[in-house]
Amino acid sequence: MTALRSTSAALLAALLVSGVLAPAEALVKTPAEYAGPAFAAINENRAERDLRLLRRSDCLKEFANQQARRMARKKRAWHQDLQLVQKDCGMEYVGEAIVAGFKTGRGAVNRGMMKTAAHRAIIMDRKSRRLAVGARRAKGGGWFVCVLVGHK
């Protein structure tokens, strides 16, 4: 019985590491549980490329959350007016990456944004210093995500 349990535990661990199973995907219930891992994944990707880690921006966070809410409410993704974001947050540059339909924040970054050249370029911008991630789940549907990066 112990050998069977050890084998089962090893198999479960292998499936989790390989990405075949991802129990955390079913556990994401709040926007914060979704956005936190997305924020971490962005900085992990930047660190792998020897880029400066991004810090939180409360101003960008307001705009990211607002855009994620709008997209979730309408169940479609679109880019917001970044000139307004740039002006209101006092930024010289603001870039935006949006995705929808990923079950986790980490998946949205690693399997969504980092696989798209335009999104990857925004996230990996060398001059950027600030980051915000907004996430909202549509009623009866999937997650909508807005990532904003920028610098003053």
Protein backbone atom coordinates (compact mmCIF):
# COMPACT_ATOMS: atom_id res chain seq x y z
CA MET A 1 0.00 0.00 0.00
CA THR A 2 2.84 2.40 0.83
CA ALA A 3 4.53 1.69 -2.51
CA LEU A 4 1.25 2.41 -4.31
CA ARG A 5 0.87 5.71 -2.45
CA SER A 6 4.46 6.69 -3.25
CA THR A 7 3.94 5.84 -6.92
CA SER A 8 0.67 7.79 -7.01
CA ALA A 9 2.29 10.78 -5.34
CA ALA A 10 5.21 10.69 -7.78
CA LEU A 11 2.83 10.46 -10.75
CA LEU A 12 0.76 13.37 -9.44
CA ALA A 13 3.89 15.47 -8.91
CA ALA A 14 5.10 14.69 -12.44
CA LEU A 15 1.75 15.68 -13.92
CA LEU A 16 1.71 18.94 -11.97
CA VAL A 17 5.26 19.84 -13.00
CA SER A 18 4.60 18.97 -16.64
CA GLY A 19 1.52 21.18 -16.70
CA VAL A 20 -0.89 18.35 -17.52
CA LEU A 21 -2.69 19.02 -14.25
CA ALA A 22 -3.08 22.48 -12.79
CA PRO A 23 -5.40 22.33 -9.78
CA ALA A 24 -4.85 26.02 -9.03
CA GLU A 25 -6.77 26.85 -12.21
CA ALA A 26 -9.99 25.67 -10.61
CA LEU A 27 -9.26 27.61 -7.41
CA VAL A 28 -8.97 31.14 -8.84
CA LYS A 29 -12.02 32.94 -7.50
CA THR A 30 -11.10 36.60 -7.08
CA PRO A 31 -9.44 39.21 -9.29
CA ALA A 32 -6.57 39.46 -6.77
CA GLU A 33 -5.96 35.68 -6.93
CA TYR A 34 -5.76 36.04 -10.71
CA ALA A 35 -3.74 39.29 -10.97
CA GLY A 36 -1.09 38.44 -8.35
CA PRO A 37 0.36 35.45 -10.22
CA ALA A 38 0.17 37.39 -13.51
CA PHE A 39 2.21 40.22 -11.96
CA ALA A 40 4.75 37.69 -10.65
CA ALA A 41 4.96 35.91 -14.02
CA ILE A 42 5.70 39.19 -15.81
CA ASN A 43 8.58 39.95 -13.47
CA GLU A 44 9.86 36.36 -13.73
CA ASN A 45 9.94 36.68 -17.52
CA ARG A 46 11.77 40.00 -17.23
CA ALA A 47 14.29 38.55 -14.76
CA GLU A 48 15.04 35.67 -17.17
CA ARG A 49 16.03 38.32 -19.73
CA ASP A 50 18.08 40.38 -17.24
CA LEU A 51 15.55 43.23 -17.32
CA ARG A 52 14.67 45.39 -14.35
CA LEU A 53 11.72 44.17 -12.31
CA LEU A 54 8.62 46.34 -12.52
CA ARG A 55 7.03 47.98 -9.48
CA ARG A 56 3.35 48.50 -8.82
CA SER A 57 1.61 51.68 -9.88
CA ASP A 58 -1.63 52.61 -8.13
CA CYS A 59 -2.60 54.97 -10.95
CA LEU A 60 -2.03 52.36 -13.67
CA LYS A 61 -3.86 49.81 -11.48
CA GLU A 62 -7.01 51.95 -11.52
CA PHE A 63 -6.99 52.04 -15.32
CA ALA A 64 -6.13 48.31 -15.65
CA ASN A 65 -8.98 47.34 -13.32
CA GLN A 66 -11.42 49.67 -15.05
CA GLN A 67 -10.56 48.24 -18.48
CA ALA A 68 -10.77 44.64 -17.27
CA ARG A 69 -14.22 45.36 -15.78
CA ARG A 70 -15.45 46.95 -19.03
CA MET A 71 -14.19 44.06 -21.15
CA ALA A 72 -15.72 41.46 -18.83
CA ARG A 73 -19.04 43.28 -18.77
CA LYS A 74 -19.20 43.39 -22.59
CA LYS A 75 -17.52 39.98 -23.00
CA ARG A 76 -15.06 41.27 -25.59
CA ALA A 77 -11.51 42.62 -25.54
CA TRP A 78 -10.31 45.97 -26.87
CA HIS A 79 -7.60 48.53 -26.10
CA GLN A 80 -8.36 51.66 -24.16
CA ASP A 81 -7.19 55.21 -24.91
CA LEU A 82 -3.61 55.12 -23.64
CA GLN A 83 -3.11 58.87 -24.11
CA LEU A 84 -5.61 59.44 -21.29
CA VAL A 85 -3.83 56.87 -19.10
CA GLN A 86 -0.46 58.42 -19.89
CA LYS A 87 -1.67 61.94 -19.09
CA ASP A 88 -3.57 61.07 -15.90
CA CYS A 89 -0.72 58.93 -14.52
CA GLY A 90 2.02 61.40 -15.50
CA MET A 91 3.81 58.84 -17.65
CA GLU A 92 6.05 59.42 -20.64
CA TYR A 93 5.12 55.99 -22.02
CA VAL A 94 2.30 53.51 -21.37
CA GLY A 95 1.86 50.17 -23.11
CA GLU A 96 -1.07 47.79 -22.82
CA ALA A 97 -1.44 44.04 -23.29
CA ILE A 98 -4.88 42.43 -23.09
CA VAL A 99 -5.99 38.81 -23.24
CA ALA A 100 -9.10 36.83 -22.44
CA GLY A 101 -10.03 33.25 -21.77
CA PHE A 102 -7.09 31.99 -19.69
CA LYS A 103 -7.94 30.19 -16.46
CA THR A 104 -5.03 31.62 -14.45
CA GLY A 105 -3.03 34.81 -14.37
CA ARG A 106 0.21 32.91 -14.87
CA GLY A 107 -1.30 31.19 -17.92
CA ALA A 108 -2.50 34.51 -19.32
CA VAL A 109 1.08 35.78 -19.23
CA ASN A 110 3.08 32.66 -20.14
CA ARG A 111 0.70 31.01 -22.61
CA GLY A 112 -0.94 34.17 -23.91
CA MET A 113 0.98 37.42 -23.76
CA MET A 114 4.51 36.00 -24.01
CA LYS A 115 3.51 33.99 -27.11
CA THR A 116 2.46 37.14 -29.00
CA ALA A 117 5.29 39.32 -30.34
CA ALA A 118 3.46 42.63 -29.77
CA HIS A 119 2.44 41.77 -26.19
CA ARG A 120 5.89 40.36 -25.39
CA ALA A 121 7.52 43.59 -26.67
CA ILE A 122 5.29 45.70 -24.41
CA ILE A 123 5.99 43.57 -21.33
CA MET A 124 9.73 43.42 -22.06
CA ASP A 125 10.13 47.16 -22.79
CA ARG A 126 13.53 48.10 -21.31
CA LYS A 127 12.46 51.59 -20.25
CA SER A 128 9.35 50.50 -18.33
CA ARG A 129 9.49 50.73 -14.55
CA ARG A 130 5.83 50.43 -13.48
CA LEU A 131 3.25 47.66 -13.84
CA ALA A 132 -0.41 47.04 -13.14
CA VAL A 133 -2.58 44.00 -13.80
CA GLY A 134 -6.36 44.19 -13.84
CA ALA A 135 -8.48 41.05 -14.08
CA ARG A 136 -12.22 40.40 -14.06
CA ARG A 137 -14.34 37.35 -14.77
CA ALA A 138 -17.31 37.80 -17.08
CA LYS A 139 -20.65 36.58 -15.75
CA GLY A 140 -20.89 32.95 -16.73
CA GLY A 141 -17.61 33.20 -18.63
CA GLY A 142 -13.86 33.49 -18.56
CA TRP A 143 -11.35 36.01 -17.34
CA PHE A 144 -10.44 39.28 -19.06
CA VAL A 145 -7.01 40.75 -18.33
CA CYS A 146 -5.47 44.19 -18.86
CA VAL A 147 -1.75 44.70 -18.24
CA LEU A 148 -0.35 48.22 -18.25
CA VAL A 149 3.36 49.03 -18.15
CA GLY A 150 4.99 52.43 -18.28
CA HIS A 151 7.69 54.85 -17.29
CA LYS A 152 7.87 58.51 -16.32
